[in-house]
N, C-alpha and C. Protein backbone atom coordinates (compact mmCIF):
# COMPACT_ATOMS: atom_id res chain seq x y z
N ALA A 1 0.84 -1.12 0.01
CA ALA A 1 0.03 0.11 0.07
C ALA A 1 0.90 1.38 -0.07
N ARG A 2 1.38 1.71 -1.12
CA ARG A 2 2.25 2.83 -1.34
C ARG A 2 1.39 4.00 -1.11
N THR A 3 1.84 4.97 -0.27
CA THR A 3 1.18 6.27 -0.18
C THR A 3 2.24 7.39 -0.18
N GLY A 4 1.67 8.68 -0.40
CA GLY A 4 2.63 9.66 -0.42
C GLY A 4 3.04 9.88 1.10
N GLN A 5 2.19 9.74 2.07
CA GLN A 5 2.63 9.77 3.42
C GLN A 5 3.67 8.66 3.75
N GLY A 6 3.51 7.52 3.31
CA GLY A 6 4.46 6.44 3.73
C GLY A 6 5.94 6.79 3.07
N ARG A 7 5.94 7.22 1.92
CA ARG A 7 7.22 7.63 1.35
C ARG A 7 7.87 8.82 1.95
N ALA A 8 6.93 9.76 2.27
CA ALA A 8 7.53 10.84 3.13
C ALA A 8 8.08 10.49 4.50
N ALA A 9 7.34 9.68 5.25
CA ALA A 9 7.71 9.04 6.35
C ALA A 9 9.16 8.29 6.27
N ALA A 10 9.16 7.62 5.22
CA ALA A 10 10.43 6.82 5.07
C ALA A 10 11.60 7.72 4.94
N GLU A 11 11.33 8.92 3.98
CA GLU A 11 12.40 9.81 3.90
C GLU A 11 12.78 10.48 5.05
N VAL A 12 11.93 10.87 5.93
CA VAL A 12 12.10 11.58 7.24
C VAL A 12 12.97 10.53 8.20
N LEU A 13 12.38 9.23 8.22
CA LEU A 13 13.17 8.28 9.10
C LEU A 13 14.46 7.98 8.64
N GLN A 14 14.83 7.93 7.31
CA GLN A 14 16.02 7.71 6.92
C GLN A 14 17.04 8.59 7.22
N ARG A 15 16.44 9.94 7.07
CA ARG A 15 17.39 11.08 7.35
C ARG A 15 17.73 10.98 8.83
N ALA A 16 16.74 10.87 9.77
CA ALA A 16 16.98 10.58 11.18
C ALA A 16 17.88 9.41 11.51
N ALA A 17 17.57 8.41 10.80
CA ALA A 17 18.59 6.99 10.96
C ALA A 17 20.10 7.36 10.64
N ARG A 18 20.18 8.22 9.58
CA ARG A 18 21.55 8.58 9.27
C ARG A 18 22.09 9.34 10.36
N ALA A 19 21.41 10.38 10.74
CA ALA A 19 21.85 11.37 11.95
C ALA A 19 22.08 10.64 13.20
N PHE A 20 21.38 9.58 13.46
CA PHE A 20 21.62 8.78 14.71
C PHE A 20 21.47 7.27 14.54
N PRO A 21 22.70 6.85 13.95
CA PRO A 21 22.89 5.47 13.53
C PRO A 21 22.89 4.45 14.63
N GLU A 22 23.10 4.93 15.90
CA GLU A 22 23.11 3.89 17.05
C GLU A 22 21.61 3.73 17.47
N SER A 23 20.66 4.48 16.95
CA SER A 23 19.22 4.34 17.36
C SER A 23 18.57 3.13 16.70
N VAL A 24 18.48 1.98 17.51
CA VAL A 24 17.81 0.85 16.94
C VAL A 24 16.19 1.07 16.90
N ALA A 25 15.75 2.07 17.71
CA ALA A 25 14.22 2.17 17.54
C ALA A 25 14.01 3.05 16.24
N LEU A 26 14.80 3.95 15.79
CA LEU A 26 14.66 4.65 14.52
C LEU A 26 14.73 3.71 13.28
N GLY A 27 15.70 2.84 13.40
CA GLY A 27 16.02 1.70 12.34
C GLY A 27 14.80 0.78 12.33
N LEU A 28 14.15 0.41 13.41
CA LEU A 28 13.19 -0.52 13.29
C LEU A 28 11.81 0.17 12.83
N GLN A 29 11.73 1.51 13.13
CA GLN A 29 10.49 2.39 12.47
C GLN A 29 10.66 2.20 11.00
N LEU A 30 11.99 2.64 10.51
CA LEU A 30 12.27 2.86 9.15
C LEU A 30 11.94 1.61 8.48
N ALA A 31 12.57 0.45 8.96
CA ALA A 31 12.22 -0.98 8.25
C ALA A 31 10.58 -1.20 8.35
N GLY A 32 9.85 -0.70 9.22
CA GLY A 32 8.27 -1.05 9.25
C GLY A 32 7.83 -0.26 8.21
N VAL A 33 8.16 1.00 8.06
CA VAL A 33 7.59 1.82 7.04
C VAL A 33 7.93 1.37 5.60
N LEU A 34 9.19 0.99 5.47
CA LEU A 34 9.69 0.45 4.16
C LEU A 34 8.82 -0.75 3.91
N HIS A 35 8.55 -1.62 4.87
CA HIS A 35 7.99 -2.99 4.68
C HIS A 35 6.51 -2.66 4.19
N ALA A 36 5.79 -1.73 4.90
CA ALA A 36 4.45 -1.29 4.86
C ALA A 36 4.29 -0.77 3.38
N GLU A 37 5.42 -0.09 2.84
CA GLU A 37 5.27 0.56 1.44
C GLU A 37 5.64 -0.43 0.35
N GLY A 38 5.97 -1.69 0.73
CA GLY A 38 6.20 -2.76 -0.24
C GLY A 38 7.74 -2.74 -0.60
N GLU A 39 8.52 -2.05 -0.02
CA GLU A 39 9.78 -2.05 -0.17
C GLU A 39 10.59 -3.04 0.63
N GLN A 40 10.44 -4.39 0.21
CA GLN A 40 10.85 -5.39 1.08
C GLN A 40 12.44 -5.51 0.99
N ALA A 41 13.04 -5.38 -0.03
CA ALA A 41 14.60 -5.40 -0.04
C ALA A 41 15.17 -4.34 0.71
N ARG A 42 14.63 -3.13 0.61
CA ARG A 42 15.18 -2.03 1.46
C ARG A 42 14.87 -2.30 2.96
N ALA A 43 13.87 -2.84 3.32
CA ALA A 43 13.50 -3.20 4.68
C ALA A 43 14.44 -4.20 5.23
N ARG A 44 14.53 -5.09 4.47
CA ARG A 44 15.47 -6.27 5.01
C ARG A 44 16.95 -5.75 5.04
N ALA A 45 17.30 -4.95 4.22
CA ALA A 45 18.67 -4.41 4.24
C ALA A 45 18.92 -3.50 5.54
N VAL A 46 17.84 -2.77 5.80
CA VAL A 46 18.03 -1.96 7.07
C VAL A 46 18.08 -2.85 8.34
N LEU A 47 17.24 -3.93 8.29
CA LEU A 47 17.15 -4.84 9.53
C LEU A 47 18.54 -5.68 9.53
N GLU A 48 18.99 -6.07 8.44
CA GLU A 48 20.42 -6.85 8.51
C GLU A 48 21.52 -5.93 8.91
N ALA A 49 21.50 -4.50 8.60
CA ALA A 49 22.55 -3.63 9.06
C ALA A 49 22.25 -3.54 10.68
N LEU A 50 20.99 -3.32 11.19
CA LEU A 50 20.80 -3.35 12.49
C LEU A 50 21.15 -4.59 13.30
N ALA A 51 20.86 -5.90 12.70
CA ALA A 51 21.41 -6.96 13.21
C ALA A 51 22.96 -7.03 13.47
N ALA A 52 23.56 -6.53 12.43
CA ALA A 52 25.10 -6.47 12.46
C ALA A 52 25.67 -5.60 13.59
N ALA A 53 24.92 -4.43 13.73
CA ALA A 53 25.28 -3.47 14.55
C ALA A 53 24.85 -3.69 15.99
N SER A 54 23.77 -4.47 16.16
CA SER A 54 23.15 -4.61 17.54
C SER A 54 22.93 -6.14 17.61
N PRO A 55 23.79 -7.02 17.70
CA PRO A 55 23.51 -8.52 17.75
C PRO A 55 22.81 -9.01 18.96
N ALA A 56 22.76 -8.13 20.01
CA ALA A 56 22.35 -8.66 21.26
C ALA A 56 20.86 -8.06 21.53
N ASP A 57 20.27 -7.44 20.52
CA ASP A 57 18.79 -6.83 20.58
C ASP A 57 17.89 -7.81 19.90
N ALA A 58 17.14 -8.33 20.90
CA ALA A 58 16.05 -9.29 20.54
C ALA A 58 15.09 -8.79 19.46
N ARG A 59 14.80 -7.40 19.70
CA ARG A 59 13.81 -6.87 18.84
C ARG A 59 14.31 -6.81 17.40
N VAL A 60 15.52 -6.65 17.24
CA VAL A 60 16.13 -6.59 15.82
C VAL A 60 15.91 -8.00 15.25
N TRP A 61 16.31 -9.02 15.80
CA TRP A 61 16.18 -10.46 15.18
C TRP A 61 14.72 -10.80 15.02
N ALA A 62 13.78 -10.45 15.77
CA ALA A 62 12.51 -10.64 15.69
C ALA A 62 11.85 -9.98 14.53
N ALA A 63 12.33 -8.58 14.39
CA ALA A 63 11.74 -7.85 13.21
C ALA A 63 12.19 -8.48 11.93
N LEU A 64 13.66 -8.76 11.96
CA LEU A 64 14.17 -9.38 10.73
C LEU A 64 13.44 -10.73 10.27
N GLY A 65 13.18 -11.56 11.21
CA GLY A 65 12.65 -12.81 11.03
C GLY A 65 11.31 -12.70 10.55
N HIS A 66 10.50 -11.84 11.16
CA HIS A 66 9.22 -11.46 10.72
C HIS A 66 9.09 -10.88 9.44
N GLN A 67 9.88 -9.84 9.27
CA GLN A 67 9.85 -9.40 7.83
C GLN A 67 10.16 -10.36 6.75
N ILE A 68 11.04 -11.38 6.95
CA ILE A 68 11.32 -12.45 5.89
C ILE A 68 10.17 -13.17 5.84
N ALA A 69 9.55 -13.65 6.91
CA ALA A 69 8.32 -14.43 6.97
C ALA A 69 7.21 -13.78 6.14
N GLU A 70 6.83 -12.69 6.49
CA GLU A 70 5.76 -11.94 5.93
C GLU A 70 5.92 -11.51 4.38
N SER A 71 7.10 -11.43 4.05
CA SER A 71 7.40 -11.07 2.56
C SER A 71 7.72 -12.33 1.78
N GLY A 72 7.48 -13.48 2.33
CA GLY A 72 7.44 -14.57 1.58
C GLY A 72 8.87 -15.21 1.31
N GLY A 73 9.80 -14.68 2.11
CA GLY A 73 11.26 -15.25 2.13
C GLY A 73 11.42 -16.67 2.58
N ASP A 74 12.46 -17.04 2.74
CA ASP A 74 12.80 -18.48 3.34
C ASP A 74 12.37 -18.85 4.66
N PRO A 75 11.47 -19.54 4.87
CA PRO A 75 10.89 -19.92 6.11
C PRO A 75 12.03 -20.13 7.11
N ALA A 76 12.98 -21.06 6.85
CA ALA A 76 14.08 -21.57 7.60
C ALA A 76 14.84 -20.33 8.13
N ALA A 77 15.17 -19.38 7.26
CA ALA A 77 16.02 -18.22 7.67
C ALA A 77 15.11 -17.36 8.64
N ALA A 78 13.90 -17.08 8.22
CA ALA A 78 13.00 -16.44 9.20
C ALA A 78 13.06 -17.07 10.70
N GLN A 79 12.83 -18.56 10.61
CA GLN A 79 12.70 -19.20 11.77
C GLN A 79 14.12 -19.11 12.63
N ALA A 80 15.18 -19.11 12.00
CA ALA A 80 16.30 -19.13 12.52
C ALA A 80 16.59 -17.54 13.25
N HIS A 81 16.19 -16.72 12.62
CA HIS A 81 16.32 -15.26 13.28
C HIS A 81 15.42 -15.25 14.37
N LEU A 82 14.25 -15.67 14.38
CA LEU A 82 13.19 -15.47 15.40
C LEU A 82 13.62 -16.43 16.64
N ARG A 83 14.23 -17.62 16.27
CA ARG A 83 14.76 -18.45 17.57
C ARG A 83 15.80 -17.73 18.08
N ARG A 84 16.68 -17.03 17.52
CA ARG A 84 17.80 -16.22 18.01
C ARG A 84 17.18 -15.10 18.83
N ALA A 85 16.03 -14.50 18.56
CA ALA A 85 15.31 -13.45 19.23
C ALA A 85 14.82 -14.03 20.46
N LEU A 86 14.19 -15.24 20.46
CA LEU A 86 13.70 -15.90 21.52
C LEU A 86 14.80 -16.34 22.66
N ALA A 87 15.99 -16.67 21.99
CA ALA A 87 17.06 -17.00 22.97
C ALA A 87 17.51 -15.81 23.73
N LEU A 88 17.33 -14.52 23.18
CA LEU A 88 17.61 -13.42 23.80
C LEU A 88 16.62 -12.93 24.73
N GLN A 89 15.41 -13.19 24.47
CA GLN A 89 14.27 -12.76 25.16
C GLN A 89 13.25 -13.90 25.10
N PRO A 90 13.33 -14.85 26.03
CA PRO A 90 12.54 -16.09 25.96
C PRO A 90 11.01 -15.98 25.95
N ALA A 91 10.56 -15.08 26.75
CA ALA A 91 9.07 -15.01 27.07
C ALA A 91 8.39 -13.94 26.26
N ASP A 92 8.68 -13.84 24.98
CA ASP A 92 8.03 -12.61 24.37
C ASP A 92 6.86 -13.09 23.50
N ALA A 93 5.61 -12.77 23.87
CA ALA A 93 4.63 -13.29 22.99
C ALA A 93 4.48 -12.90 21.62
N ARG A 94 4.90 -11.63 21.26
CA ARG A 94 4.93 -11.13 19.95
C ARG A 94 5.86 -11.99 19.11
N THR A 95 7.26 -12.26 19.65
CA THR A 95 8.13 -13.05 18.85
C THR A 95 7.74 -14.60 18.70
N LEU A 96 7.04 -15.01 19.57
CA LEU A 96 6.26 -16.53 19.38
C LEU A 96 5.28 -16.30 18.49
N ALA A 97 4.60 -15.39 18.31
CA ALA A 97 3.46 -15.10 17.30
C ALA A 97 4.26 -15.03 15.81
N TYR A 98 5.30 -14.25 15.88
CA TYR A 98 6.04 -14.14 14.52
C TYR A 98 6.57 -15.54 14.21
N LEU A 99 7.19 -16.37 15.08
CA LEU A 99 7.79 -17.58 14.82
C LEU A 99 6.52 -18.37 14.29
N SER A 100 5.35 -18.46 14.79
CA SER A 100 4.17 -19.22 14.41
C SER A 100 4.07 -18.83 12.96
N CYS A 101 4.13 -17.61 12.47
CA CYS A 101 3.96 -17.06 11.04
C CYS A 101 4.97 -17.86 10.24
N ALA A 102 6.21 -17.88 10.73
CA ALA A 102 7.32 -18.56 9.89
C ALA A 102 6.99 -20.01 9.75
N LEU A 103 6.55 -20.66 10.63
CA LEU A 103 6.19 -22.08 10.85
C LEU A 103 5.17 -22.52 9.90
N ARG A 104 4.00 -21.64 10.03
CA ARG A 104 2.85 -21.67 9.12
C ARG A 104 3.08 -21.57 7.72
N ARG A 105 4.10 -20.56 7.38
CA ARG A 105 4.38 -20.49 6.02
C ARG A 105 5.22 -21.54 5.53
N GLY A 106 6.01 -22.23 6.63
CA GLY A 106 6.97 -23.23 6.16
C GLY A 106 6.12 -24.61 6.23
N GLY A 107 5.09 -24.59 6.34
CA GLY A 107 3.97 -25.93 6.32
C GLY A 107 3.83 -26.46 7.53
N ASP A 108 4.10 -26.02 8.60
CA ASP A 108 4.00 -26.52 10.11
C ASP A 108 2.72 -25.92 10.75
N GLY A 109 1.68 -26.15 10.40
CA GLY A 109 0.51 -25.56 11.02
C GLY A 109 0.20 -25.82 12.42
N ASP A 110 0.58 -27.14 12.76
CA ASP A 110 0.39 -27.66 14.12
C ASP A 110 1.30 -27.02 14.94
N GLY A 111 2.49 -26.86 14.58
CA GLY A 111 3.60 -26.20 15.28
C GLY A 111 3.24 -24.63 15.54
N ALA A 112 2.74 -24.01 14.55
CA ALA A 112 2.26 -22.63 14.52
C ALA A 112 1.28 -22.46 15.64
N ARG A 113 0.16 -23.45 15.53
CA ARG A 113 -0.99 -23.35 16.59
C ARG A 113 -0.42 -23.52 18.00
N ALA A 114 0.58 -24.38 18.18
CA ALA A 114 1.08 -24.68 19.48
C ALA A 114 1.89 -23.46 19.98
N LEU A 115 2.63 -22.78 19.23
CA LEU A 115 3.22 -21.60 19.64
C LEU A 115 2.38 -20.47 19.93
N LEU A 116 1.14 -20.50 19.15
CA LEU A 116 0.16 -19.26 19.47
C LEU A 116 -0.57 -19.65 20.81
N GLY A 117 -0.65 -20.85 21.12
CA GLY A 117 -1.18 -21.25 22.45
C GLY A 117 -0.26 -20.71 23.63
N GLN A 118 0.91 -20.95 23.35
CA GLN A 118 2.01 -20.35 24.33
C GLN A 118 1.90 -18.91 24.35
N ALA A 119 1.89 -18.17 23.32
CA ALA A 119 1.93 -16.72 23.19
C ALA A 119 0.76 -16.29 23.80
N LEU A 120 -0.49 -16.89 23.62
CA LEU A 120 -1.74 -16.35 24.42
C LEU A 120 -1.66 -16.45 25.71
N ALA A 121 -1.04 -17.63 26.31
CA ALA A 121 -0.80 -17.81 27.73
C ALA A 121 0.03 -16.70 28.34
N LEU A 122 1.12 -16.31 27.49
CA LEU A 122 1.95 -15.33 28.02
C LEU A 122 1.49 -13.91 28.06
N ASP A 123 0.64 -13.58 26.96
CA ASP A 123 0.07 -12.20 26.83
C ASP A 123 -1.26 -12.36 25.99
N PRO A 124 -2.29 -12.47 26.70
CA PRO A 124 -3.50 -12.41 25.95
C PRO A 124 -3.93 -11.18 25.34
N GLU A 125 -3.13 -10.19 25.69
CA GLU A 125 -3.60 -8.75 25.11
C GLU A 125 -2.61 -8.33 23.97
N GLU A 126 -1.70 -9.25 23.43
CA GLU A 126 -0.75 -8.79 22.43
C GLU A 126 -1.39 -8.89 21.02
N PRO A 127 -1.60 -7.88 20.33
CA PRO A 127 -2.39 -7.76 19.09
C PRO A 127 -1.88 -8.95 18.04
N ALA A 128 -0.45 -8.87 17.87
CA ALA A 128 0.19 -9.82 17.00
C ALA A 128 -0.17 -11.28 17.17
N VAL A 129 -0.48 -11.59 18.43
CA VAL A 129 -0.83 -12.99 18.61
C VAL A 129 -2.14 -13.18 18.04
N HIS A 130 -3.08 -12.36 18.25
CA HIS A 130 -4.50 -12.44 17.64
C HIS A 130 -4.42 -12.34 16.08
N GLU A 131 -3.74 -11.46 15.67
CA GLU A 131 -3.52 -11.30 14.21
C GLU A 131 -3.11 -12.69 13.49
N HIS A 132 -1.94 -13.14 14.02
CA HIS A 132 -1.42 -14.44 13.50
C HIS A 132 -2.35 -15.61 13.75
N LEU A 133 -3.09 -15.60 14.88
CA LEU A 133 -4.20 -16.66 15.09
C LEU A 133 -5.19 -16.54 13.90
N GLY A 134 -5.58 -15.39 13.69
CA GLY A 134 -6.62 -15.04 12.59
C GLY A 134 -6.02 -15.68 11.36
N ASP A 135 -4.80 -15.21 11.12
CA ASP A 135 -4.16 -15.82 9.80
C ASP A 135 -4.10 -17.47 9.67
N LEU A 136 -3.83 -17.91 10.89
CA LEU A 136 -3.88 -19.36 10.98
C LEU A 136 -5.28 -20.00 10.62
N HIS A 137 -6.37 -19.39 11.36
CA HIS A 137 -7.68 -20.03 11.13
C HIS A 137 -7.99 -19.66 9.67
N HIS A 138 -7.61 -18.58 8.98
CA HIS A 138 -8.07 -18.29 7.70
C HIS A 138 -7.46 -19.30 6.74
N ALA A 139 -6.13 -19.64 6.96
CA ALA A 139 -5.39 -20.66 6.08
C ALA A 139 -6.15 -22.14 6.20
N ALA A 140 -6.72 -22.30 7.37
CA ALA A 140 -7.48 -23.57 7.60
C ALA A 140 -9.05 -23.55 7.26
N GLY A 141 -9.34 -22.35 6.69
CA GLY A 141 -10.69 -22.39 5.98
C GLY A 141 -11.73 -21.99 7.20
N GLU A 142 -11.20 -21.52 8.43
CA GLU A 142 -12.16 -21.36 9.44
C GLU A 142 -12.41 -19.78 9.46
N GLY A 143 -13.23 -19.29 8.62
CA GLY A 143 -13.58 -17.82 8.42
C GLY A 143 -14.16 -17.13 9.61
N ARG A 144 -15.09 -17.74 10.27
CA ARG A 144 -15.54 -17.15 11.31
C ARG A 144 -14.49 -16.74 12.51
N GLU A 145 -13.70 -17.88 12.77
CA GLU A 145 -12.86 -17.75 13.78
C GLU A 145 -11.61 -16.76 13.47
N ALA A 146 -11.36 -16.98 12.15
CA ALA A 146 -10.25 -15.74 11.63
C ALA A 146 -10.86 -14.43 11.93
N ALA A 147 -12.10 -14.11 11.46
CA ALA A 147 -12.71 -12.80 11.58
C ALA A 147 -12.62 -12.35 13.15
N GLU A 148 -12.98 -13.30 14.08
CA GLU A 148 -13.13 -12.94 15.51
C GLU A 148 -11.70 -12.67 15.83
N ALA A 149 -10.63 -13.46 15.58
CA ALA A 149 -9.28 -13.10 15.91
C ALA A 149 -8.78 -11.84 15.40
N TRP A 150 -9.04 -11.63 14.20
CA TRP A 150 -8.54 -10.23 13.51
C TRP A 150 -9.36 -9.17 14.19
N GLY A 151 -10.65 -9.30 14.46
CA GLY A 151 -11.38 -8.20 15.14
C GLY A 151 -10.79 -7.94 16.45
N ARG A 152 -10.24 -9.03 17.21
CA ARG A 152 -9.85 -8.75 18.58
C ARG A 152 -8.44 -8.07 18.38
N ALA A 153 -7.53 -8.45 17.40
CA ALA A 153 -6.35 -7.73 17.25
C ALA A 153 -6.56 -6.18 16.85
N LEU A 154 -7.49 -6.14 16.04
CA LEU A 154 -7.84 -4.54 15.72
C LEU A 154 -8.28 -3.99 16.89
N ARG A 155 -9.17 -4.43 17.71
CA ARG A 155 -9.57 -3.75 19.06
C ARG A 155 -8.33 -3.36 19.94
N LEU A 156 -7.47 -4.45 20.05
CA LEU A 156 -6.32 -4.30 20.95
C LEU A 156 -5.30 -3.11 20.32
N VAL A 157 -5.15 -3.01 19.07
CA VAL A 157 -4.27 -1.95 18.56
C VAL A 157 -4.91 -0.56 18.62
N GLU A 158 -6.27 -0.61 18.45
CA GLU A 158 -6.91 0.66 18.49
C GLU A 158 -6.98 1.16 20.10
N GLU A 159 -7.02 0.30 20.92
CA GLU A 159 -7.13 0.72 22.45
C GLU A 159 -5.76 1.04 22.83
N ALA A 160 -4.71 0.52 22.25
CA ALA A 160 -3.28 0.62 22.84
C ALA A 160 -2.72 1.93 22.52
N SER A 161 -3.11 2.70 21.45
CA SER A 161 -2.48 3.86 21.14
C SER A 161 -3.29 4.72 20.34
N ASP A 162 -3.20 6.10 20.52
CA ASP A 162 -4.07 7.08 19.88
C ASP A 162 -3.22 7.30 18.49
N ASP A 163 -1.93 6.93 18.43
CA ASP A 163 -1.05 7.12 17.25
C ASP A 163 -0.81 5.73 16.57
N ALA A 164 -1.80 4.71 16.57
CA ALA A 164 -1.34 3.52 16.15
C ALA A 164 -0.99 3.61 14.66
N ASP A 165 -0.17 2.69 14.23
CA ASP A 165 0.28 2.51 12.77
C ASP A 165 -0.97 2.54 11.86
N ALA A 166 -1.11 3.55 10.95
CA ALA A 166 -2.27 3.58 10.08
C ALA A 166 -2.40 2.35 9.15
N ALA A 167 -1.21 1.94 8.67
CA ALA A 167 -1.07 0.94 7.73
C ALA A 167 -1.31 -0.46 8.40
N ALA A 168 -0.95 -0.65 9.63
CA ALA A 168 -1.24 -1.90 10.34
C ALA A 168 -2.74 -1.95 10.59
N LEU A 169 -3.31 -0.68 11.22
CA LEU A 169 -4.78 -0.77 11.27
C LEU A 169 -5.55 -1.09 10.05
N GLN A 170 -5.05 -0.50 8.91
CA GLN A 170 -5.90 -0.75 7.77
C GLN A 170 -5.80 -2.19 7.18
N GLY A 171 -4.64 -2.78 7.37
CA GLY A 171 -4.49 -4.16 7.06
C GLY A 171 -5.34 -4.98 8.05
N LEU A 172 -5.43 -4.77 9.25
CA LEU A 172 -6.25 -5.60 10.14
C LEU A 172 -7.77 -5.42 9.91
N ARG A 173 -8.20 -4.07 9.48
CA ARG A 173 -9.61 -3.89 9.11
C ARG A 173 -9.90 -4.65 7.83
N CYS A 174 -8.93 -4.74 6.88
CA CYS A 174 -9.31 -5.45 5.67
C CYS A 174 -9.51 -7.09 6.02
N LYS A 175 -8.47 -7.54 6.82
CA LYS A 175 -8.59 -8.99 7.33
C LYS A 175 -10.03 -9.19 7.87
N ALA A 176 -10.18 -8.19 8.88
CA ALA A 176 -11.63 -8.48 9.88
C ALA A 176 -12.78 -8.60 9.01
N LYS A 177 -12.72 -7.92 7.82
CA LYS A 177 -14.00 -7.73 6.91
C LYS A 177 -13.87 -8.71 5.83
N SER A 178 -12.89 -9.53 5.75
CA SER A 178 -12.72 -10.49 4.62
C SER A 178 -13.72 -11.59 4.77
N PRO A 179 -14.23 -12.09 3.63
CA PRO A 179 -15.29 -13.15 3.59
C PRO A 179 -14.68 -14.60 4.08
N PRO A 180 -15.34 -15.27 4.70
CA PRO A 180 -14.82 -16.61 5.19
C PRO A 180 -14.27 -17.50 3.98
N ARG A 181 -13.46 -18.21 4.19
CA ARG A 181 -12.85 -19.11 3.20
C ARG A 181 -13.25 -20.46 3.44
N THR A 182 -13.37 -21.21 2.26
CA THR A 182 -13.49 -22.64 2.60
C THR A 182 -12.08 -23.34 2.30
N PRO A 183 -11.86 -24.44 2.97
CA PRO A 183 -10.45 -25.15 2.79
C PRO A 183 -10.23 -25.48 1.29
N GLY A 184 -9.04 -25.18 0.77
CA GLY A 184 -8.72 -25.35 -0.54
C GLY A 184 -8.70 -24.05 -1.24
N GLN A 185 -9.29 -23.03 -0.86
CA GLN A 185 -9.25 -21.81 -1.59
C GLN A 185 -7.94 -20.96 -1.47
């Protein structure tokens, strides 16, 4: 979803990241905007540079693994990065949800479902857990359950922040309104 605002945000964040190269937070924001704008190669390059500069930061490894999984990259590489993030920060529900995404995309729906159960037990209010639970239900043809999970994720994001990421909100709104699928679609 390329927008003028997204491109402008990416330019501002890129200038800020150059001015403050030690800021992991700025780099993560830049990668997120680039990912939302469909610039997967640039987002991945930003995250790989962050990983090289901050190898002990679990957020960086989680973002890199999630970006690879979400952009259709190598599920094994995504899983490796996400497992590294979990080794650095073991009880992180969001990272478990991201790993479930990589497992599902790698063909391990049962493993993905088990991880989402763990993530829900850790933090039932984490929007990413509900979003990826919705994705898992959708892939299984469970349309009603998918819509419920996506709706829950959307409510949690909207409640959490007045300045929630507009692209993330729009994506969740689209998912929550999508028609149910039947298996094999």
